[in-house]
N, C-alpha and C. Protein backbone atom coordinates (compact mmCIF):
# COMPACT_ATOMS: atom_id res chain seq x y z
N UNK A 1 61.74 107.85 113.52
CA UNK A 1 60.43 107.70 114.14
C UNK A 1 60.61 108.23 115.51
N UNK A 2 59.41 109.13 116.01
CA UNK A 2 59.56 109.80 116.98
C UNK A 2 58.80 109.11 118.16
N UNK A 3 57.51 108.48 117.76
CA UNK A 3 56.48 108.37 118.71
C UNK A 3 56.40 106.79 118.42
N UNK A 4 55.92 106.08 119.57
CA UNK A 4 55.86 104.57 119.33
C UNK A 4 54.59 104.23 118.95
N UNK A 5 54.45 103.21 117.84
CA UNK A 5 53.18 102.82 117.49
C UNK A 5 53.21 101.46 117.32
N UNK A 6 51.95 100.81 117.51
CA UNK A 6 51.97 99.24 117.28
C UNK A 6 52.12 98.82 116.19
N UNK A 7 52.55 97.73 115.74
CA UNK A 7 52.35 97.19 114.61
C UNK A 7 51.03 97.02 114.01
N UNK A 8 49.97 97.12 114.78
CA UNK A 8 48.72 96.82 114.34
C UNK A 8 48.22 98.07 113.67
N UNK A 9 48.75 99.26 114.18
CA UNK A 9 48.36 100.69 113.62
C UNK A 9 49.09 100.99 112.28
N UNK A 10 50.66 100.64 112.21
CA UNK A 10 51.44 100.96 111.27
C UNK A 10 50.48 99.79 110.12
N UNK A 11 50.50 98.55 110.24
CA UNK A 11 49.57 97.89 109.26
C UNK A 11 48.25 97.99 108.55
N UNK A 12 47.41 98.77 109.88
CA UNK A 12 46.16 99.51 109.41
C UNK A 12 46.41 100.71 108.39
N UNK A 13 47.64 101.39 108.83
CA UNK A 13 47.58 102.33 107.62
C UNK A 13 48.08 102.05 106.13
N UNK A 14 49.14 101.04 106.46
CA UNK A 14 49.73 100.43 105.20
C UNK A 14 48.53 99.80 104.20
N UNK A 15 47.47 99.10 105.02
CA UNK A 15 46.05 98.75 104.54
C UNK A 15 45.26 99.63 103.66
N UNK A 16 44.87 100.92 104.72
CA UNK A 16 44.08 101.64 104.15
C UNK A 16 44.97 102.73 102.97
N UNK A 17 46.06 102.81 102.98
CA UNK A 17 46.59 103.47 101.87
C UNK A 17 46.63 102.72 100.48
N UNK A 18 46.69 101.40 100.74
CA UNK A 18 46.42 100.11 99.31
C UNK A 18 45.21 100.49 98.83
N UNK A 19 44.28 100.20 99.90
CA UNK A 19 42.61 100.41 99.47
C UNK A 19 42.45 101.66 98.83
N UNK A 20 43.12 102.64 99.02
CA UNK A 20 43.03 104.15 98.49
C UNK A 20 43.78 103.97 96.92
N UNK A 21 44.21 102.90 96.48
CA UNK A 21 44.90 102.81 95.53
C UNK A 21 46.34 103.41 95.10
N UNK A 22 47.03 103.62 96.63
CA UNK A 22 48.58 103.79 96.63
C UNK A 22 49.35 102.53 96.30
N UNK A 23 50.08 102.48 95.57
CA UNK A 23 51.22 101.32 95.64
C UNK A 23 52.55 101.33 96.53
N UNK A 24 51.85 101.33 97.94
CA UNK A 24 52.55 101.38 99.16
C UNK A 24 53.56 100.33 99.13
N UNK A 25 54.58 100.77 99.79
CA UNK A 25 55.63 99.66 100.23
C UNK A 25 56.31 100.10 101.60
N UNK A 26 56.77 99.13 102.21
CA UNK A 26 57.30 99.27 103.38
C UNK A 26 58.92 99.42 103.22
N UNK A 27 59.63 100.57 103.61
CA UNK A 27 60.98 100.61 103.33
C UNK A 27 61.92 99.94 104.47
N UNK A 28 63.10 99.68 104.39
CA UNK A 28 63.84 99.03 105.36
C UNK A 28 64.00 100.04 106.48
N UNK A 29 63.63 101.14 106.50
CA UNK A 29 63.58 101.93 107.99
C UNK A 29 62.08 102.00 108.38
N UNK A 30 61.12 101.06 107.74
CA UNK A 30 59.71 100.98 108.41
C UNK A 30 59.22 102.22 108.26
N UNK A 31 59.13 102.68 107.05
CA UNK A 31 58.52 103.88 106.45
C UNK A 31 57.57 103.43 105.35
N UNK A 32 56.41 104.27 105.31
CA UNK A 32 55.62 103.93 104.04
C UNK A 32 55.90 104.83 103.04
N UNK A 33 56.46 103.89 101.80
CA UNK A 33 56.98 104.68 100.69
C UNK A 33 56.09 104.41 99.44
N UNK A 34 56.20 105.22 98.24
CA UNK A 34 55.44 104.83 96.98
C UNK A 34 56.52 105.36 96.20
N UNK A 35 56.73 104.53 94.83
CA UNK A 35 57.59 104.72 93.54
C UNK A 35 56.57 105.78 92.79
N UNK A 36 57.03 106.94 92.55
CA UNK A 36 56.11 107.59 91.60
C UNK A 36 56.27 107.18 90.16
N UNK A 37 55.00 107.32 89.64
CA UNK A 37 55.31 106.95 87.90
C UNK A 37 53.84 106.40 87.56
N UNK A 38 53.59 105.98 86.36
CA UNK A 38 52.53 105.69 86.06
C UNK A 38 51.22 106.33 86.24
N UNK A 39 50.24 106.12 86.71
CA UNK A 39 48.96 106.80 87.38
C UNK A 39 49.04 107.82 88.64
N UNK A 40 50.60 107.62 89.05
CA UNK A 40 50.55 108.42 90.38
C UNK A 40 52.04 109.39 90.15
N UNK A 41 51.65 110.66 90.31
CA UNK A 41 52.75 111.79 90.37
C UNK A 41 52.50 112.40 91.46
N UNK A 42 53.38 113.29 91.55
CA UNK A 42 53.42 113.98 92.84
C UNK A 42 54.20 115.48 92.56
N UNK A 43 53.68 116.59 93.04
CA UNK A 43 54.30 117.95 93.09
C UNK A 43 55.09 118.41 94.40
N UNK A 44 56.07 118.76 94.67
CA UNK A 44 56.56 119.31 95.96
C UNK A 44 56.66 120.76 95.84
N UNK A 45 56.23 121.45 96.78
CA UNK A 45 56.04 122.94 96.37
C UNK A 45 55.93 123.35 98.04
N UNK A 46 56.51 124.93 98.25
CA UNK A 46 56.59 125.42 99.29
C UNK A 46 54.89 125.61 99.55
N UNK A 47 54.81 125.44 101.38
CA UNK A 47 53.66 125.68 101.75
C UNK A 47 52.56 126.51 101.43
N UNK A 48 53.14 127.86 101.12
CA UNK A 48 52.40 129.06 100.60
C UNK A 48 51.86 128.52 99.10
N UNK A 49 52.40 128.23 98.47
CA UNK A 49 51.98 127.73 96.99
C UNK A 49 50.95 126.79 97.17
N UNK A 50 51.31 126.13 98.02
CA UNK A 50 50.45 124.35 98.07
C UNK A 50 49.01 124.94 98.52
N UNK A 51 49.07 125.75 99.55
CA UNK A 51 47.86 126.72 100.51
C UNK A 51 46.95 127.16 99.31
N UNK A 52 47.67 127.83 98.77
CA UNK A 52 46.89 128.81 97.30
C UNK A 52 46.32 127.64 96.44
N UNK A 53 46.88 126.73 95.94
CA UNK A 53 46.74 125.65 94.91
C UNK A 53 45.45 124.72 95.50
N UNK A 54 45.45 124.36 96.53
CA UNK A 54 44.31 124.04 97.55
C UNK A 54 42.96 124.63 97.23
N UNK A 55 43.26 126.12 97.59
CA UNK A 55 42.35 126.85 97.46
C UNK A 55 41.67 127.16 96.01
N UNK A 56 42.46 127.16 95.10
CA UNK A 56 41.79 127.16 93.65
C UNK A 56 41.30 125.99 92.97
N UNK A 57 41.98 124.95 93.59
CA UNK A 57 41.02 123.68 93.14
C UNK A 57 39.99 123.40 93.86
N UNK A 58 39.72 123.80 95.21
CA UNK A 58 38.66 123.74 96.12
C UNK A 58 37.43 124.54 95.28
N UNK A 59 37.73 125.66 94.43
CA UNK A 59 36.78 126.41 94.17
C UNK A 59 36.00 125.63 92.92
N UNK A 60 36.84 124.92 92.49
CA UNK A 60 36.21 123.73 91.26
C UNK A 60 35.77 122.50 91.57
N UNK A 61 35.85 122.34 92.95
CA UNK A 61 35.55 121.07 93.60
C UNK A 61 36.34 119.84 93.73
N UNK A 62 37.79 120.25 93.31
CA UNK A 62 38.59 119.41 93.17
C UNK A 62 39.49 119.42 94.40
N UNK A 63 39.64 118.20 94.91
CA UNK A 63 40.45 118.02 96.19
C UNK A 63 41.70 117.07 95.74
N UNK A 64 42.78 117.47 96.61
CA UNK A 64 43.95 116.66 96.18
C UNK A 64 44.66 116.38 97.68
N UNK A 65 45.13 114.84 97.62
CA UNK A 65 45.74 114.54 98.96
C UNK A 65 47.14 115.51 99.13
N UNK A 66 47.41 115.82 100.14
CA UNK A 66 48.70 116.66 100.31
C UNK A 66 48.97 116.28 101.88
N UNK A 67 50.56 116.36 101.68
CA UNK A 67 51.08 116.05 103.17
C UNK A 67 52.24 117.27 103.08
N UNK A 68 52.54 117.73 104.55
CA UNK A 68 53.60 118.44 104.84
C UNK A 68 54.91 117.65 105.04
N UNK A 69 56.13 118.09 104.72
CA UNK A 69 57.11 117.58 104.85
C UNK A 69 58.05 118.54 105.76
N UNK A 70 59.52 118.12 105.91
CA UNK A 70 60.22 118.95 106.60
C UNK A 70 60.66 119.96 105.77
N UNK A 71 61.22 121.24 106.22
CA UNK A 71 61.12 122.60 105.50
C UNK A 71 60.26 123.39 104.83
N UNK A 72 59.08 123.09 105.71
CA UNK A 72 57.76 123.76 105.32
C UNK A 72 57.15 123.63 103.90
N UNK A 73 57.53 122.36 103.21
CA UNK A 73 57.28 122.21 101.92
C UNK A 73 56.23 120.93 102.02
N UNK A 74 55.25 120.94 100.69
CA UNK A 74 54.17 120.03 100.77
C UNK A 74 54.28 119.36 99.52
N UNK A 75 53.51 118.18 99.71
CA UNK A 75 53.66 117.23 98.63
C UNK A 75 52.39 116.90 98.07
N UNK A 76 51.96 117.44 96.92
CA UNK A 76 50.39 117.05 96.36
C UNK A 76 50.56 116.03 95.29
N UNK A 77 49.78 114.81 95.63
CA UNK A 77 49.70 113.90 94.84
C UNK A 77 48.72 113.84 93.96
N UNK A 78 49.02 113.47 92.91
CA UNK A 78 48.13 113.78 91.30
C UNK A 78 48.41 112.27 90.58
N UNK A 79 47.66 112.63 89.47
CA UNK A 79 47.38 111.33 88.72
C UNK A 79 48.44 111.69 87.48
N UNK A 80 48.18 111.13 86.52
CA UNK A 80 49.10 110.63 85.43
C UNK A 80 49.61 112.18 84.83
N UNK A 81 50.86 111.98 84.71
CA UNK A 81 51.54 113.41 84.00
C UNK A 81 51.92 112.96 82.52
N UNK A 82 51.19 113.49 81.33
CA UNK A 82 51.65 113.42 80.05
C UNK A 82 52.70 114.21 79.83
N UNK A 83 53.79 113.53 79.27
CA UNK A 83 55.04 114.31 79.04
C UNK A 83 54.87 115.31 77.80
N UNK A 84 53.69 115.18 77.01
CA UNK A 84 53.23 116.21 76.01
C UNK A 84 52.98 117.54 76.89
N UNK A 85 52.43 117.53 78.07
CA UNK A 85 52.24 118.71 78.91
C UNK A 85 53.89 119.31 79.31
N UNK A 86 54.82 118.57 79.21
CA UNK A 86 56.05 119.18 79.59
C UNK A 86 56.52 120.44 78.60
N UNK A 87 56.73 121.57 79.05
CA UNK A 87 56.93 122.58 77.97
C UNK A 87 57.92 123.83 78.84
N UNK A 88 58.30 124.47 77.87
CA UNK A 88 59.40 125.65 78.45
C UNK A 88 58.36 126.38 79.70
N UNK A 89 57.03 126.72 79.31
CA UNK A 89 56.14 127.55 80.15
C UNK A 89 55.73 126.77 81.36
N UNK A 90 55.52 125.48 81.65
CA UNK A 90 55.65 124.57 82.99
C UNK A 90 56.69 124.66 83.44
N UNK A 91 57.87 124.36 82.86
CA UNK A 91 59.15 124.38 83.43
C UNK A 91 59.44 125.73 84.21
N UNK A 92 59.19 126.68 83.71
CA UNK A 92 59.42 128.10 84.41
C UNK A 92 58.39 128.39 85.24
N UNK A 93 56.95 127.79 85.23
CA UNK A 93 56.28 128.02 86.44
C UNK A 93 56.82 127.26 87.65
N UNK A 94 57.47 126.16 87.61
CA UNK A 94 57.72 125.19 88.28
C UNK A 94 58.93 125.92 89.26
N UNK A 95 59.99 126.52 88.35
CA UNK A 95 61.01 127.35 88.98
C UNK A 95 60.58 128.60 89.71
N UNK A 96 59.56 129.44 88.94
CA UNK A 96 58.92 130.72 89.69
C UNK A 96 58.49 130.31 90.82
N UNK A 97 57.74 129.07 91.14
CA UNK A 97 57.11 128.81 92.36
C UNK A 97 57.76 128.22 93.20
N UNK A 98 59.11 127.78 92.87
CA UNK A 98 60.19 126.79 93.73
C UNK A 98 59.47 125.41 94.20
N UNK A 99 58.59 124.93 93.05
CA UNK A 99 58.23 123.88 93.08
C UNK A 99 58.70 122.74 92.07
N UNK A 100 58.37 121.23 92.35
CA UNK A 100 59.29 120.29 91.62
C UNK A 100 57.87 119.04 91.21
N UNK A 101 57.95 118.87 90.06
CA UNK A 101 57.30 117.35 89.37
C UNK A 101 58.15 116.27 89.74
N UNK A 102 57.89 115.46 90.70
CA UNK A 102 58.76 114.66 91.12
C UNK A 102 58.68 113.53 89.93
N UNK A 103 60.07 113.18 89.76
CA UNK A 103 60.22 112.33 88.32
C UNK A 103 59.89 111.20 88.51
N UNK A 104 59.50 110.42 87.80
CA UNK A 104 59.29 108.72 87.46
C UNK A 104 60.12 108.16 88.19
N UNK A 105 59.78 106.90 88.88
CA UNK A 105 60.86 106.09 89.53
C UNK A 105 61.53 106.48 90.79
N UNK A 106 61.04 107.99 91.22
CA UNK A 106 61.88 108.42 92.57
C UNK A 106 60.82 108.13 93.41
N UNK A 107 61.57 107.65 94.67
CA UNK A 107 60.83 107.15 96.23
C UNK A 107 60.37 108.56 96.84
N UNK A 108 59.11 108.40 97.03
CA UNK A 108 58.60 109.42 97.86
C UNK A 108 57.81 108.71 99.23
N UNK A 109 58.51 109.46 100.49
CA UNK A 109 58.11 108.97 101.72
C UNK A 109 56.73 109.39 102.17
N UNK A 110 55.90 108.62 102.54
CA UNK A 110 54.60 109.04 102.82
C UNK A 110 54.46 109.23 104.02
N UNK A 111 53.67 109.96 104.90
CA UNK A 111 53.45 109.89 106.42
C UNK A 111 53.08 108.57 106.89
N UNK A 112 53.95 108.50 107.86
CA UNK A 112 54.06 107.03 108.59
C UNK A 112 53.76 107.09 109.88
N UNK A 113 52.69 106.26 110.51
CA UNK A 113 52.55 106.21 111.81
C UNK A 113 53.67 106.32 112.75
N UNK A 114 53.61 107.19 113.69
CA UNK A 114 54.83 107.32 114.74
C UNK A 114 56.01 108.23 114.23
N UNK A 115 55.84 108.84 113.09
CA UNK A 115 56.84 109.87 112.55
C UNK A 115 56.16 111.20 112.49
N UNK A 116 56.98 112.03 113.25
CA UNK A 116 56.62 113.27 113.28
C UNK A 116 57.12 113.98 112.19
N UNK A 117 57.77 113.85 111.33
CA UNK A 117 58.60 114.33 110.36
C UNK A 117 57.56 114.93 109.28
N UNK A 118 56.63 114.14 109.05
CA UNK A 118 55.73 114.55 107.95
C UNK A 118 54.48 114.28 108.42
N UNK A 119 53.29 114.78 107.89
CA UNK A 119 51.74 114.39 108.24
C UNK A 119 50.83 114.83 107.30
N UNK A 120 49.59 114.09 107.16
CA UNK A 120 48.95 114.34 106.16
C UNK A 120 48.15 115.89 106.29
N UNK A 121 48.14 116.56 105.32
CA UNK A 121 47.30 117.97 105.60
C UNK A 121 45.71 117.72 105.11
N UNK A 122 45.83 117.07 103.91
CA UNK A 122 44.36 116.35 103.38
C UNK A 122 44.75 115.05 102.96
N UNK A 123 44.35 113.92 104.11
CA UNK A 123 44.49 112.83 104.01
C UNK A 123 44.02 111.91 102.49
N UNK A 124 44.69 110.82 102.21
CA UNK A 124 43.89 110.30 101.11
C UNK A 124 42.63 109.44 101.48
N UNK A 125 41.67 109.62 100.96
CA UNK A 125 40.34 109.24 101.27
C UNK A 125 39.81 107.89 100.51
N UNK A 126 40.38 107.94 99.05
CA UNK A 126 39.87 107.07 97.91
C UNK A 126 40.77 107.21 97.03
N UNK A 127 40.55 106.13 95.66
CA UNK A 127 41.71 106.48 94.77
C UNK A 127 41.67 107.50 93.72
N UNK A 128 40.67 108.62 94.00
CA UNK A 128 40.95 109.89 93.04
C UNK A 128 42.13 110.42 93.60
N UNK A 129 42.97 110.99 92.48
CA UNK A 129 43.74 112.16 92.27
C UNK A 129 43.56 112.75 91.15
N UNK A 130 43.75 114.17 91.40
CA UNK A 130 43.52 115.24 90.40
C UNK A 130 44.59 114.84 89.42
N UNK A 131 44.37 115.18 88.23
CA UNK A 131 45.31 115.46 87.00
C UNK A 131 46.40 115.97 87.29
N UNK A 132 47.46 115.86 86.78
CA UNK A 132 48.49 116.58 86.94
C UNK A 132 48.35 118.06 86.19
N UNK A 133 47.73 117.78 84.94
CA UNK A 133 47.35 118.97 84.39
C UNK A 133 46.42 120.12 85.37
N UNK A 134 45.30 119.61 85.79
CA UNK A 134 44.71 120.14 86.89
C UNK A 134 45.56 121.12 88.07
N UNK A 135 46.73 120.20 88.63
CA UNK A 135 47.25 120.88 89.72
C UNK A 135 48.35 122.05 89.03
N UNK A 136 48.76 121.93 87.84
CA UNK A 136 49.46 122.67 87.23
C UNK A 136 48.92 123.90 86.96
N UNK A 137 47.51 123.88 86.56
CA UNK A 137 46.64 124.73 86.03
C UNK A 137 46.38 125.68 87.26
N UNK A 138 46.00 125.22 88.68
CA UNK A 138 45.99 125.55 89.73
C UNK A 138 46.90 126.73 90.03
N UNK A 139 48.19 125.86 90.15
CA UNK A 139 49.33 126.49 90.60
C UNK A 139 49.64 127.64 89.58
N UNK A 140 49.45 127.50 88.42
CA UNK A 140 49.36 128.76 87.22
C UNK A 140 48.51 129.86 87.68
N UNK A 141 47.23 129.57 87.94
CA UNK A 141 46.30 130.46 88.66
C UNK A 141 46.80 131.30 89.65
N UNK A 142 47.48 130.56 90.39
CA UNK A 142 48.15 131.16 91.90
C UNK A 142 49.28 132.21 91.51
N UNK A 143 50.22 131.79 90.41
CA UNK A 143 51.33 132.61 90.24
C UNK A 143 50.89 133.84 89.35
N UNK A 144 49.69 133.65 88.61
CA UNK A 144 49.35 135.04 88.10
C UNK A 144 48.66 135.66 88.87
N UNK A 145 47.79 135.32 89.79
CA UNK A 145 47.38 136.26 90.87
C UNK A 145 48.08 136.99 91.67
N UNK A 146 49.38 136.33 92.00
CA UNK A 146 50.31 137.01 92.66
C UNK A 146 51.25 138.01 91.89
N UNK A 147 51.18 137.64 90.59
CA UNK A 147 51.94 138.63 89.54
C UNK A 147 50.81 139.79 89.52
N UNK A 148 49.31 139.76 89.70
CA UNK A 148 48.54 140.59 89.53
C UNK A 148 48.64 141.88 90.51
N UNK A 149 49.02 141.20 91.77
CA UNK A 149 48.91 142.02 92.87
C UNK A 149 49.92 143.23 92.97
């Protein structure tokens, strides 16, 4: 953590995220984390793909919570991912865009007050998260647009 925050600020952010439906826990390093799985999934992608994906989703009135991480990467929070959606095509898309669908059971560190290594680009505001399918479809659209250039 790089800046000092009060316990009240830390607890307020914890409670805000819980009220938004995120199953947040506090790690031993005093960071806010979630375990991916069930109704919560996440994609991690390079900044440029995240920006384009946000733009495509926005055309359809769909917002997605996003936060930047070290290495110019962005995590996009999404809803349930159905294993039936897994296919060679999806895996090829993830490889093409250097993106990852975070596996169930993995811990994802969320932006935490006082930690300048990551921060909200599009903050969580409520319990809504777009479906994983919607995020993948938007990412596919971005890849197709880039290929057509």
